[in-house]
N, C-alpha and C. Protein backbone atom coordinates (compact mmCIF):
# COMPACT_ATOMS: atom_id res chain seq x y z
N ASN A 1 234.07 23.89 127.00
CA ASN A 1 234.62 23.22 128.17
C ASN A 1 234.00 21.84 128.28
N THR A 2 234.84 20.81 128.42
CA THR A 2 234.35 19.43 128.52
C THR A 2 235.09 18.69 129.61
N ILE A 3 234.34 17.98 130.46
CA ILE A 3 234.91 17.12 131.48
C ILE A 3 234.69 15.68 131.06
N PHE A 4 235.77 14.90 131.02
CA PHE A 4 235.71 13.50 130.61
C PHE A 4 235.81 12.58 131.82
N PHE A 5 235.04 11.52 131.81
CA PHE A 5 235.18 10.45 132.79
C PHE A 5 235.45 9.15 132.04
N ASN A 6 236.55 8.50 132.37
CA ASN A 6 236.94 7.24 131.71
C ASN A 6 237.32 7.46 130.25
N LYS A 7 237.92 8.60 129.92
CA LYS A 7 238.27 8.90 128.54
C LYS A 7 239.24 7.86 127.99
N GLY A 8 238.94 7.35 126.79
CA GLY A 8 239.80 6.36 126.15
C GLY A 8 239.52 4.93 126.57
N ASN A 9 238.63 4.74 127.54
CA ASN A 9 238.31 3.38 127.99
C ASN A 9 237.51 2.65 126.91
N VAL A 10 237.81 1.38 126.70
CA VAL A 10 237.16 0.62 125.65
C VAL A 10 235.70 0.36 125.97
N LYS A 11 235.39 0.11 127.24
CA LYS A 11 234.03 -0.30 127.62
C LYS A 11 233.05 0.86 127.66
N TYR A 12 233.41 1.99 128.30
CA TYR A 12 232.46 3.09 128.39
C TYR A 12 233.18 4.38 128.74
N ASP A 13 232.54 5.49 128.43
CA ASP A 13 233.03 6.81 128.85
C ASP A 13 231.85 7.76 128.95
N ILE A 14 232.05 8.85 129.69
CA ILE A 14 231.01 9.86 129.90
C ILE A 14 231.63 11.24 129.75
N GLN A 15 230.89 12.14 129.11
CA GLN A 15 231.34 13.52 128.94
C GLN A 15 230.27 14.49 129.45
N PHE A 16 230.75 15.54 130.13
CA PHE A 16 229.90 16.66 130.51
C PHE A 16 230.51 17.90 129.88
N GLY A 17 229.70 18.69 129.18
CA GLY A 17 230.31 19.81 128.48
C GLY A 17 229.40 21.01 128.32
N ASN A 18 230.03 22.14 128.00
CA ASN A 18 229.33 23.39 127.73
C ASN A 18 230.03 24.08 126.57
N ARG A 19 229.24 24.47 125.57
CA ARG A 19 229.77 25.24 124.43
C ARG A 19 229.05 26.58 124.39
N ASN A 20 229.81 27.64 124.23
CA ASN A 20 229.22 28.98 124.20
C ASN A 20 229.86 29.77 123.08
N ASN A 21 229.05 30.10 122.07
CA ASN A 21 229.53 30.89 120.93
C ASN A 21 228.74 32.19 120.85
N GLN A 22 229.45 33.30 120.77
CA GLN A 22 228.83 34.62 120.65
C GLN A 22 229.48 35.37 119.50
N ASN A 23 228.65 35.87 118.57
CA ASN A 23 229.17 36.58 117.41
C ASN A 23 228.43 37.90 117.23
N ARG A 24 229.18 38.93 116.84
CA ARG A 24 228.56 40.23 116.55
C ARG A 24 229.02 40.71 115.19
N ILE A 25 228.06 41.15 114.37
CA ILE A 25 228.34 41.73 113.06
C ILE A 25 227.86 43.18 113.08
N VAL A 26 228.76 44.10 112.77
CA VAL A 26 228.41 45.51 112.74
C VAL A 26 228.19 45.92 111.29
N GLN A 27 226.97 46.40 110.98
CA GLN A 27 226.62 46.81 109.63
C GLN A 27 226.22 48.29 109.63
N VAL A 28 225.95 48.80 108.43
CA VAL A 28 225.58 50.21 108.31
C VAL A 28 224.28 50.49 109.05
N ASN A 29 223.33 49.54 108.98
CA ASN A 29 222.03 49.76 109.60
C ASN A 29 221.96 49.25 111.04
N GLY A 30 223.10 48.95 111.64
CA GLY A 30 223.13 48.52 113.04
C GLY A 30 223.83 47.19 113.22
N LYS A 31 223.90 46.74 114.44
CA LYS A 31 224.63 45.49 114.73
C LYS A 31 223.67 44.31 114.84
N GLU A 32 224.22 43.12 114.61
CA GLU A 32 223.50 41.87 114.77
C GLU A 32 224.29 40.98 115.72
N ASP A 33 223.62 40.41 116.69
CA ASP A 33 224.25 39.51 117.65
C ASP A 33 223.63 38.12 117.53
N ARG A 34 224.49 37.11 117.41
CA ARG A 34 224.04 35.72 117.39
C ARG A 34 224.75 34.97 118.51
N GLY A 35 223.99 34.12 119.21
CA GLY A 35 224.59 33.37 120.31
C GLY A 35 224.04 31.96 120.38
N LEU A 36 224.88 31.05 120.88
CA LEU A 36 224.47 29.66 121.10
C LEU A 36 225.15 29.17 122.37
N ASP A 37 224.34 28.84 123.37
CA ASP A 37 224.83 28.33 124.64
C ASP A 37 224.31 26.91 124.80
N ASP A 38 225.22 25.94 124.85
CA ASP A 38 224.85 24.52 124.78
C ASP A 38 225.43 23.78 125.98
N LEU A 39 224.57 23.08 126.71
CA LEU A 39 224.98 22.24 127.83
C LEU A 39 224.60 20.80 127.51
N PHE A 40 225.55 19.85 127.63
CA PHE A 40 225.26 18.49 127.18
C PHE A 40 225.91 17.44 128.08
N ILE A 41 225.31 16.24 128.04
CA ILE A 41 225.87 15.03 128.65
C ILE A 41 225.89 13.95 127.58
N ARG A 42 227.04 13.32 127.39
CA ARG A 42 227.19 12.28 126.37
C ARG A 42 227.81 11.04 127.00
N SER A 43 227.18 9.89 126.80
CA SER A 43 227.71 8.64 127.33
C SER A 43 227.82 7.60 126.22
N ARG A 44 228.76 6.67 126.38
CA ARG A 44 228.98 5.61 125.39
C ARG A 44 229.25 4.29 126.12
N TRP A 45 228.59 3.23 125.65
CA TRP A 45 228.82 1.89 126.15
C TRP A 45 229.17 0.97 124.98
N ASN A 46 230.19 0.16 125.15
CA ASN A 46 230.61 -0.79 124.11
C ASN A 46 230.02 -2.16 124.39
N LEU A 47 229.48 -2.80 123.33
CA LEU A 47 228.88 -4.12 123.45
C LEU A 47 229.66 -5.12 122.60
N LYS A 48 230.35 -6.03 123.22
CA LYS A 48 231.03 -7.14 122.55
C LYS A 48 231.99 -6.67 121.46
N ASN A 49 232.57 -5.49 121.61
CA ASN A 49 233.59 -4.94 120.71
C ASN A 49 233.13 -4.68 119.29
N SER A 50 231.86 -4.94 118.99
CA SER A 50 231.38 -4.72 117.63
C SER A 50 230.24 -3.72 117.55
N ALA A 51 229.83 -3.18 118.69
CA ALA A 51 228.72 -2.23 118.70
C ALA A 51 228.89 -1.26 119.86
N ASP A 52 228.43 -0.03 119.65
CA ASP A 52 228.45 0.99 120.68
C ASP A 52 227.06 1.61 120.80
N ILE A 53 226.67 1.92 122.02
CA ILE A 53 225.43 2.63 122.28
C ILE A 53 225.79 4.01 122.83
N PHE A 54 225.24 5.05 122.21
CA PHE A 54 225.45 6.42 122.65
C PHE A 54 224.13 6.99 123.16
N PHE A 55 224.24 7.83 124.18
CA PHE A 55 223.05 8.52 124.68
C PHE A 55 223.46 9.96 125.00
N ILE A 56 222.79 10.90 124.35
CA ILE A 56 223.16 12.31 124.46
C ILE A 56 221.94 13.12 124.86
N VAL A 57 222.10 13.96 125.87
CA VAL A 57 221.06 14.87 126.32
C VAL A 57 221.63 16.28 126.28
N GLU A 58 220.87 17.21 125.66
CA GLU A 58 221.36 18.58 125.50
C GLU A 58 220.27 19.59 125.84
N LYS A 59 220.73 20.72 126.35
CA LYS A 59 219.87 21.90 126.48
C LYS A 59 220.62 23.07 125.86
N SER A 60 219.99 23.74 124.90
CA SER A 60 220.63 24.84 124.19
C SER A 60 219.75 26.07 124.22
N VAL A 61 220.40 27.22 124.16
CA VAL A 61 219.69 28.49 124.00
C VAL A 61 220.29 29.19 122.79
N LYS A 62 219.46 29.40 121.77
CA LYS A 62 219.88 30.05 120.53
C LYS A 62 219.27 31.45 120.48
N SER A 63 220.11 32.46 120.33
CA SER A 63 219.61 33.84 120.37
C SER A 63 220.06 34.61 119.14
N TYR A 64 219.24 35.60 118.79
CA TYR A 64 219.55 36.52 117.68
C TYR A 64 218.93 37.87 117.99
N ARG A 65 219.74 38.91 117.87
CA ARG A 65 219.28 40.27 118.11
C ARG A 65 219.71 41.16 116.95
N SER A 66 218.77 41.94 116.42
CA SER A 66 219.05 42.83 115.31
C SER A 66 218.50 44.21 115.62
N GLU A 67 219.33 45.24 115.46
CA GLU A 67 218.87 46.61 115.67
C GLU A 67 217.92 47.05 114.56
N ALA A 68 218.14 46.54 113.34
CA ALA A 68 217.34 46.99 112.19
C ALA A 68 216.05 46.19 112.02
N PHE A 69 216.08 44.90 112.40
CA PHE A 69 214.92 44.03 112.17
C PHE A 69 214.51 43.38 113.49
N GLY A 70 213.85 44.16 114.33
CA GLY A 70 213.45 43.66 115.64
C GLY A 70 212.46 42.54 115.59
N ASP A 71 211.67 42.45 114.51
CA ASP A 71 210.67 41.38 114.42
C ASP A 71 211.29 40.02 114.14
N ARG A 72 212.60 39.98 113.89
CA ARG A 72 213.29 38.71 113.65
C ARG A 72 214.09 38.25 114.86
N ASN A 73 213.98 38.96 115.97
CA ASN A 73 214.72 38.58 117.17
C ASN A 73 214.30 37.19 117.64
N LEU A 74 215.27 36.43 118.10
CA LEU A 74 215.05 35.05 118.54
C LEU A 74 215.58 34.85 119.95
N ASP A 75 214.91 33.99 120.67
CA ASP A 75 215.42 33.49 121.95
C ASP A 75 214.83 32.09 122.12
N ILE A 76 215.46 31.09 121.48
CA ILE A 76 214.90 29.75 121.38
C ILE A 76 215.59 28.82 122.39
N VAL A 77 214.78 28.19 123.22
CA VAL A 77 215.28 27.17 124.15
C VAL A 77 215.04 25.81 123.51
N ILE A 78 216.10 24.99 123.44
CA ILE A 78 216.04 23.71 122.73
C ILE A 78 216.42 22.58 123.69
N TYR A 79 215.58 21.57 123.76
CA TYR A 79 215.87 20.36 124.52
C TYR A 79 216.01 19.21 123.52
N ARG A 80 217.09 18.43 123.65
CA ARG A 80 217.34 17.32 122.72
C ARG A 80 217.63 16.04 123.50
N VAL A 81 217.13 14.92 122.96
CA VAL A 81 217.50 13.59 123.44
C VAL A 81 217.88 12.78 122.21
N ARG A 82 219.11 12.21 122.22
CA ARG A 82 219.62 11.55 121.01
C ARG A 82 220.26 10.20 121.34
N PRO A 83 219.48 9.13 121.40
CA PRO A 83 220.09 7.80 121.48
C PRO A 83 220.61 7.36 120.11
N GLU A 84 221.65 6.52 120.12
CA GLU A 84 222.28 6.11 118.86
C GLU A 84 222.93 4.74 119.05
N VAL A 85 222.82 3.89 118.03
CA VAL A 85 223.47 2.57 118.04
C VAL A 85 224.37 2.48 116.82
N SER A 86 225.64 2.15 117.06
CA SER A 86 226.61 2.00 115.98
C SER A 86 227.12 0.55 115.97
N VAL A 87 226.93 -0.14 114.84
CA VAL A 87 227.30 -1.55 114.72
C VAL A 87 228.36 -1.70 113.64
N ARG A 88 229.39 -2.50 113.92
CA ARG A 88 230.46 -2.78 112.96
C ARG A 88 230.49 -4.28 112.66
N PRO A 89 229.75 -4.73 111.64
CA PRO A 89 229.74 -6.15 111.33
C PRO A 89 231.06 -6.67 110.80
N SER A 90 231.89 -5.77 110.23
CA SER A 90 233.23 -6.15 109.78
C SER A 90 234.14 -4.94 109.96
N SER A 91 235.42 -5.12 109.66
CA SER A 91 236.39 -4.06 109.91
C SER A 91 236.21 -2.85 109.01
N ASN A 92 235.55 -3.01 107.87
CA ASN A 92 235.39 -1.89 106.94
C ASN A 92 233.93 -1.48 106.70
N VAL A 93 233.01 -1.99 107.52
CA VAL A 93 231.59 -1.66 107.37
C VAL A 93 231.03 -1.19 108.71
N ARG A 94 230.23 -0.13 108.66
CA ARG A 94 229.58 0.37 109.86
C ARG A 94 228.14 0.76 109.54
N VAL A 95 227.23 0.41 110.43
CA VAL A 95 225.81 0.76 110.32
C VAL A 95 225.42 1.52 111.58
N VAL A 96 224.76 2.68 111.40
CA VAL A 96 224.37 3.53 112.53
C VAL A 96 222.87 3.80 112.46
N LEU A 97 222.19 3.60 113.58
CA LEU A 97 220.78 3.94 113.72
C LEU A 97 220.65 5.04 114.77
N LYS A 98 219.90 6.12 114.43
CA LYS A 98 219.80 7.27 115.33
C LYS A 98 218.34 7.67 115.50
N TYR A 99 218.04 8.16 116.70
CA TYR A 99 216.76 8.81 116.96
C TYR A 99 217.07 10.14 117.62
N ASN A 100 216.39 11.19 117.17
CA ASN A 100 216.66 12.54 117.67
C ASN A 100 215.33 13.23 117.96
N TYR A 101 215.08 13.50 119.26
CA TYR A 101 213.87 14.24 119.64
C TYR A 101 214.28 15.64 120.06
N GLN A 102 213.60 16.65 119.51
CA GLN A 102 213.88 18.04 119.87
C GLN A 102 212.58 18.76 120.22
N ASN A 103 212.65 19.55 121.28
CA ASN A 103 211.56 20.43 121.66
C ASN A 103 212.12 21.85 121.66
N LYS A 104 211.62 22.68 120.72
CA LYS A 104 212.12 24.04 120.58
C LYS A 104 211.02 25.03 120.93
N GLN A 105 211.37 25.99 121.78
CA GLN A 105 210.40 26.97 122.25
C GLN A 105 210.95 28.37 122.06
N GLN A 106 210.25 29.15 121.25
CA GLN A 106 210.60 30.55 121.05
C GLN A 106 210.01 31.36 122.21
N LYS A 107 210.87 31.99 123.01
CA LYS A 107 210.44 32.61 124.26
C LYS A 107 209.98 34.05 124.11
N ILE A 108 210.19 34.66 122.96
CA ILE A 108 209.76 36.05 122.76
C ILE A 108 208.87 36.16 121.54
N LEU A 109 208.27 37.31 121.32
CA LEU A 109 207.43 37.60 120.16
C LEU A 109 206.33 36.56 120.01
N SER A 110 206.36 35.74 118.95
CA SER A 110 205.27 34.82 118.66
C SER A 110 205.20 33.61 119.59
N LYS A 111 206.29 33.33 120.31
CA LYS A 111 206.36 32.19 121.25
C LYS A 111 205.96 30.87 120.59
N ASP A 112 206.49 30.63 119.40
CA ASP A 112 206.19 29.40 118.67
C ASP A 112 206.87 28.20 119.33
N VAL A 113 206.33 27.01 119.03
CA VAL A 113 206.86 25.75 119.55
C VAL A 113 207.02 24.78 118.39
N ALA A 114 208.14 24.06 118.37
CA ALA A 114 208.37 23.01 117.37
C ALA A 114 208.77 21.73 118.09
N LYS A 115 208.06 20.65 117.79
CA LYS A 115 208.41 19.33 118.31
C LYS A 115 208.84 18.47 117.13
N ILE A 116 210.08 17.98 117.21
CA ILE A 116 210.71 17.31 116.07
C ILE A 116 211.11 15.90 116.46
N ASN A 117 210.66 14.92 115.69
CA ASN A 117 211.06 13.52 115.85
C ASN A 117 211.79 13.08 114.59
N GLU A 118 213.03 12.67 114.74
CA GLU A 118 213.84 12.27 113.58
C GLU A 118 214.39 10.87 113.78
N LEU A 119 214.20 10.03 112.78
CA LEU A 119 214.75 8.68 112.77
C LEU A 119 215.62 8.55 111.52
N SER A 120 216.87 8.12 111.71
CA SER A 120 217.78 8.06 110.58
C SER A 120 218.65 6.81 110.65
N ALA A 121 219.13 6.41 109.47
CA ALA A 121 220.03 5.26 109.34
C ALA A 121 221.19 5.65 108.43
N GLU A 122 222.39 5.19 108.79
CA GLU A 122 223.58 5.49 108.01
C GLU A 122 224.35 4.20 107.74
N PHE A 123 224.91 4.11 106.54
CA PHE A 123 225.72 2.95 106.15
C PHE A 123 227.04 3.46 105.59
N THR A 124 228.15 2.89 106.06
CA THR A 124 229.48 3.29 105.61
C THR A 124 230.30 2.05 105.28
N GLN A 125 230.96 2.07 104.12
CA GLN A 125 231.88 1.00 103.74
C GLN A 125 233.13 1.62 103.14
N ARG A 126 234.29 1.19 103.62
CA ARG A 126 235.55 1.77 103.15
C ARG A 126 236.59 0.67 102.91
N LYS A 127 237.41 0.91 101.90
CA LYS A 127 238.57 0.07 101.65
C LYS A 127 239.75 1.01 101.43
N ALA A 128 240.75 0.90 102.29
CA ALA A 128 241.84 1.86 102.31
C ALA A 128 242.51 2.00 100.96
N ASN A 129 242.69 3.26 100.54
CA ASN A 129 243.37 3.61 99.29
C ASN A 129 242.64 3.12 98.03
N GLU A 130 241.37 2.71 98.17
CA GLU A 130 240.62 2.26 97.00
C GLU A 130 239.29 3.02 96.85
N TYR A 131 238.41 2.93 97.85
CA TYR A 131 237.11 3.59 97.71
C TYR A 131 236.47 3.77 99.08
N SER A 132 235.44 4.62 99.11
CA SER A 132 234.57 4.75 100.28
C SER A 132 233.15 4.99 99.78
N PHE A 133 232.19 4.44 100.52
CA PHE A 133 230.78 4.56 100.16
C PHE A 133 229.98 4.92 101.41
N ASP A 134 229.23 6.01 101.34
CA ASP A 134 228.42 6.46 102.47
C ASP A 134 226.98 6.70 101.98
N ALA A 135 226.01 6.21 102.74
CA ALA A 135 224.61 6.42 102.42
C ALA A 135 223.84 6.71 103.70
N SER A 136 222.86 7.59 103.61
CA SER A 136 222.04 7.91 104.78
C SER A 136 220.61 8.17 104.36
N LEU A 137 219.68 7.88 105.27
CA LEU A 137 218.26 8.09 105.03
C LEU A 137 217.63 8.57 106.33
N SER A 138 216.84 9.65 106.25
CA SER A 138 216.22 10.22 107.45
C SER A 138 214.75 10.50 107.22
N PHE A 139 213.97 10.24 108.26
CA PHE A 139 212.57 10.63 108.29
C PHE A 139 212.37 11.58 109.46
N VAL A 140 211.83 12.77 109.19
CA VAL A 140 211.68 13.79 110.22
C VAL A 140 210.21 14.21 110.28
N ARG A 141 209.61 14.04 111.43
CA ARG A 141 208.21 14.44 111.65
C ARG A 141 208.21 15.69 112.52
N ILE A 142 207.59 16.77 112.05
CA ILE A 142 207.63 18.06 112.74
C ILE A 142 206.22 18.56 113.02
N ASN A 143 206.01 19.02 114.24
CA ASN A 143 204.77 19.69 114.62
C ASN A 143 205.14 21.12 115.03
N PHE A 144 204.83 22.08 114.17
CA PHE A 144 205.24 23.48 114.36
C PHE A 144 204.01 24.37 114.44
N THR A 145 203.99 25.25 115.44
CA THR A 145 202.80 26.07 115.67
C THR A 145 202.87 27.44 115.00
N GLY A 146 203.99 27.77 114.36
CA GLY A 146 204.17 29.11 113.81
C GLY A 146 203.69 29.27 112.39
N ILE A 147 204.05 30.41 111.79
CA ILE A 147 203.64 30.77 110.44
C ILE A 147 204.59 30.14 109.42
N ALA A 148 204.01 29.52 108.39
CA ALA A 148 204.82 28.88 107.35
C ALA A 148 205.60 29.92 106.55
N ASN A 149 206.81 29.53 106.13
CA ASN A 149 207.68 30.34 105.28
C ASN A 149 208.12 31.65 105.94
N SER A 150 208.11 31.70 107.24
CA SER A 150 208.55 32.89 107.97
C SER A 150 210.01 32.70 108.39
N PRO A 151 210.73 33.80 108.71
CA PRO A 151 212.10 33.66 109.22
C PRO A 151 212.18 32.82 110.49
N ILE A 152 211.16 32.91 111.35
CA ILE A 152 211.15 32.11 112.57
C ILE A 152 211.08 30.62 112.23
N GLU A 153 210.25 30.26 111.24
CA GLU A 153 210.15 28.86 110.83
C GLU A 153 211.50 28.35 110.33
N TYR A 154 212.18 29.15 109.51
CA TYR A 154 213.45 28.73 108.94
C TYR A 154 214.48 28.48 110.05
N ASP A 155 214.53 29.38 111.02
CA ASP A 155 215.51 29.23 112.10
C ASP A 155 215.18 28.05 113.00
N MET A 156 213.92 27.85 113.33
CA MET A 156 213.55 26.78 114.26
C MET A 156 213.59 25.41 113.61
N LEU A 157 213.23 25.33 112.33
CA LEU A 157 213.16 24.03 111.65
C LEU A 157 214.39 23.74 110.80
N GLU A 158 215.32 24.70 110.72
CA GLU A 158 216.59 24.52 110.00
C GLU A 158 216.36 24.11 108.54
N GLY A 159 215.42 24.80 107.89
CA GLY A 159 215.17 24.57 106.48
C GLY A 159 214.14 23.50 106.18
N LEU A 160 213.70 22.75 107.18
CA LEU A 160 212.66 21.74 106.96
C LEU A 160 211.28 22.37 107.11
N LYS A 161 210.22 21.56 106.93
CA LYS A 161 208.86 22.08 106.94
C LYS A 161 207.99 21.32 107.92
N ASN A 162 206.89 21.96 108.30
CA ASN A 162 205.92 21.32 109.17
C ASN A 162 205.34 20.07 108.50
N GLY A 163 205.21 18.99 109.25
CA GLY A 163 204.71 17.74 108.69
C GLY A 163 205.82 16.73 108.51
N ARG A 164 205.74 15.96 107.42
CA ARG A 164 206.70 14.88 107.17
C ARG A 164 207.81 15.36 106.23
N ASN A 165 209.04 15.01 106.59
CA ASN A 165 210.21 15.36 105.79
C ASN A 165 211.05 14.10 105.56
N TYR A 166 211.53 13.94 104.33
CA TYR A 166 212.39 12.80 103.98
C TYR A 166 213.70 13.34 103.40
N LEU A 167 214.81 12.83 103.89
CA LEU A 167 216.13 13.25 103.42
C LEU A 167 216.96 12.02 103.12
N TRP A 168 217.71 12.04 102.00
CA TRP A 168 218.58 10.93 101.68
C TRP A 168 219.84 11.46 101.00
N ASN A 169 220.92 10.69 101.13
CA ASN A 169 222.22 11.15 100.63
C ASN A 169 223.11 9.95 100.33
N ILE A 170 223.83 10.02 99.21
CA ILE A 170 224.80 8.98 98.82
C ILE A 170 226.08 9.67 98.38
N VAL A 171 227.21 9.22 98.92
CA VAL A 171 228.52 9.75 98.53
C VAL A 171 229.44 8.57 98.22
N TYR A 172 230.01 8.58 97.00
CA TYR A 172 230.95 7.52 96.59
C TYR A 172 232.25 8.17 96.16
N THR A 173 233.35 7.75 96.78
CA THR A 173 234.68 8.27 96.45
C THR A 173 235.56 7.12 95.98
N LYS A 174 236.19 7.29 94.82
CA LYS A 174 237.02 6.26 94.23
C LYS A 174 238.42 6.80 93.95
N ARG A 175 239.44 6.08 94.36
CA ARG A 175 240.82 6.44 94.04
C ARG A 175 241.12 5.96 92.62
N ILE A 176 241.24 6.91 91.68
CA ILE A 176 241.43 6.54 90.29
C ILE A 176 242.89 6.63 89.85
N ALA A 177 243.73 7.20 90.68
CA ALA A 177 245.17 7.24 90.45
C ALA A 177 245.83 7.39 91.81
N LYS A 178 247.14 7.42 91.82
CA LYS A 178 247.86 7.44 93.09
C LYS A 178 247.48 8.63 93.95
N ASN A 179 247.26 9.77 93.32
CA ASN A 179 246.94 10.97 94.09
C ASN A 179 245.67 11.68 93.61
N ILE A 180 244.80 10.94 92.90
CA ILE A 180 243.58 11.54 92.35
C ILE A 180 242.36 10.76 92.82
N ASP A 181 241.38 11.50 93.37
CA ASP A 181 240.13 10.90 93.85
C ASP A 181 238.95 11.47 93.06
N LEU A 182 238.02 10.58 92.72
CA LEU A 182 236.77 10.98 92.09
C LEU A 182 235.65 10.82 93.11
N THR A 183 234.87 11.88 93.35
CA THR A 183 233.76 11.84 94.30
C THR A 183 232.46 12.15 93.58
N ILE A 184 231.48 11.27 93.75
CA ILE A 184 230.14 11.46 93.21
C ILE A 184 229.17 11.56 94.38
N ASN A 185 228.38 12.63 94.40
CA ASN A 185 227.47 12.90 95.51
C ASN A 185 226.05 13.10 94.98
N TYR A 186 225.12 12.41 95.59
CA TYR A 186 223.71 12.60 95.26
C TYR A 186 222.93 12.80 96.55
N GLU A 187 222.10 13.82 96.59
CA GLU A 187 221.25 14.04 97.75
C GLU A 187 219.86 14.47 97.31
N GLY A 188 218.89 14.11 98.10
CA GLY A 188 217.51 14.46 97.79
C GLY A 188 216.75 14.77 99.06
N ARG A 189 215.63 15.48 98.89
CA ARG A 189 214.78 15.80 100.03
C ARG A 189 213.34 16.00 99.58
N LYS A 190 212.46 15.66 100.48
CA LYS A 190 211.03 15.91 100.31
C LYS A 190 210.55 16.51 101.62
N THR A 191 210.29 17.83 101.62
CA THR A 191 209.95 18.54 102.84
C THR A 191 208.51 19.01 102.80
N GLY A 192 207.72 18.56 103.78
CA GLY A 192 206.33 18.98 103.86
C GLY A 192 205.57 18.66 102.58
N ILE A 193 204.86 19.68 102.06
CA ILE A 193 204.10 19.51 100.83
C ILE A 193 204.89 19.96 99.60
N SER A 194 206.13 20.35 99.78
CA SER A 194 206.97 20.80 98.66
C SER A 194 207.35 19.62 97.78
N PRO A 195 207.63 19.86 96.49
CA PRO A 195 208.03 18.76 95.60
C PRO A 195 209.42 18.23 95.96
N VAL A 196 209.73 17.05 95.44
CA VAL A 196 211.03 16.43 95.68
C VAL A 196 212.13 17.25 95.02
N VAL A 197 213.25 17.42 95.74
CA VAL A 197 214.42 18.12 95.22
C VAL A 197 215.57 17.12 95.13
N ASN A 198 216.19 17.01 93.95
CA ASN A 198 217.32 16.12 93.73
C ASN A 198 218.53 16.95 93.31
N VAL A 199 219.68 16.66 93.93
CA VAL A 199 220.91 17.39 93.62
C VAL A 199 222.03 16.38 93.42
N GLY A 200 222.75 16.51 92.31
CA GLY A 200 223.90 15.64 92.03
C GLY A 200 225.17 16.47 91.82
N ARG A 201 226.28 15.96 92.30
CA ARG A 201 227.56 16.65 92.15
C ARG A 201 228.65 15.63 91.83
N ALA A 202 229.67 16.09 91.12
CA ALA A 202 230.85 15.26 90.84
C ALA A 202 232.08 16.13 91.04
N GLN A 203 233.13 15.53 91.60
CA GLN A 203 234.34 16.29 91.89
C GLN A 203 235.56 15.41 91.70
N ILE A 204 236.59 15.98 91.14
CA ILE A 204 237.90 15.31 91.04
C ILE A 204 238.90 16.10 91.86
N LYS A 205 239.59 15.42 92.76
CA LYS A 205 240.54 16.09 93.64
C LYS A 205 241.92 15.47 93.49
N ALA A 206 242.91 16.30 93.28
CA ALA A 206 244.30 15.86 93.16
C ALA A 206 245.07 16.35 94.38
N THR A 207 245.84 15.46 95.00
CA THR A 207 246.64 15.79 96.17
C THR A 207 248.12 15.74 95.81
N PHE A 208 248.82 16.84 96.09
CA PHE A 208 250.25 16.92 95.75
C PHE A 208 251.09 17.01 97.01
């Protein structure tokens, strides 16, 4: 559910919303319930038609219940603050700077806490029917009080690690024929004390 104020206005708009997802999986060894209840406020201001400032505040509750694995039960309260600046120096180029602060608190069992500071930059360049280029770089600083390599750590940190994390990604798509696109994707990460991981992919897509 989302309430819009000034929707479609060029200068500014505000949104108030709530998202609620509940899922149940029934297995031989019992049922598993996953839930996410999210309350947010999102605002946007336009500056001189070439830049936008976004400010997002969220409160979420992430839950997990398992009949078979009670030690993995979760009830995480998450507070987020996400300012963002999007600049368009030309009609086909966009630069985005983001800051994301999260405070996550596990309310049951170990009662772990994670404080996450993320700073990221994104660059996008597109030329219609010819190519697109996207690049992103993120630095994530995490202070986590729980046990390393535990299921709780994975859920709270979303695959990242305590300490410093670096993430980067490049995607290049080229139209090589009227209905054929070539996409090259490279992504890398350095999480905590783990070694650097590099992943490369290539894909050809034909549209009929």
